[in-house]
């Protein structure tokens, strides 16, 4: 299976290509802003390195949030456009799921340890999601206060992400709160692996086009 994955959901901008279960190309940058301008340049660099046309891919993948408003939309818009032009199905992967799988692969969490991902959502709130060993989601992403999030941490979890330091004083003593370097930003290489795994499951069908997963309710509402 040939998989092209991108991530622009937070400060990083990354692209990865997997062919037959192997990572063959990866581009990773942390521009902070300007994801839309940089993304397609990275995609073209990675694709050219593998000498693949867009129609040669079997699956496209993109992180769908939670994350920054413009970053999430930039990645999804690019992938949906590529899917429309090439006819290749596109799959959305949760940002927190990508972080949990990255922590497992990078050694921040052991294979037998549950993982709790927390991202700083500002205003003393965090986006959070719990994962069983193996980065298996235990529920949907949510947003809440630090106290609310701490109450949802399964016993024995390794807590990672940019929100981990915020939870340290609350969860200390009952959980392993680690602000491990490399666990704050997703990586398209991990996203590609998750997408390939999902597509290899029995009964997999091409999904609907990816849509943003903001989690936080909009601040502006129509009357």
Foldseek 3Di string as FASTA:
>chain_A
DWEWEWEQQEQKTKIWIDDPNHTDFMDIDRNRDDNLVCRVVRVVVRCVSVVDDLLVHQEYEYEQDDGDPVRNVSGLVVRVVSCVVNVHFYDYDHFQLLLQQQCPVVVVDDQQAKAKEWEDPPPQKTWIFTAGRVSHTPDDIAMDHLVVSLVPYPFAYEYEEPCLVVNCVVNPPGYNRDDDPPSHGGGRVSRRVVVVVQCPDPPDDRDDRDHHDNNDDDPDDDD
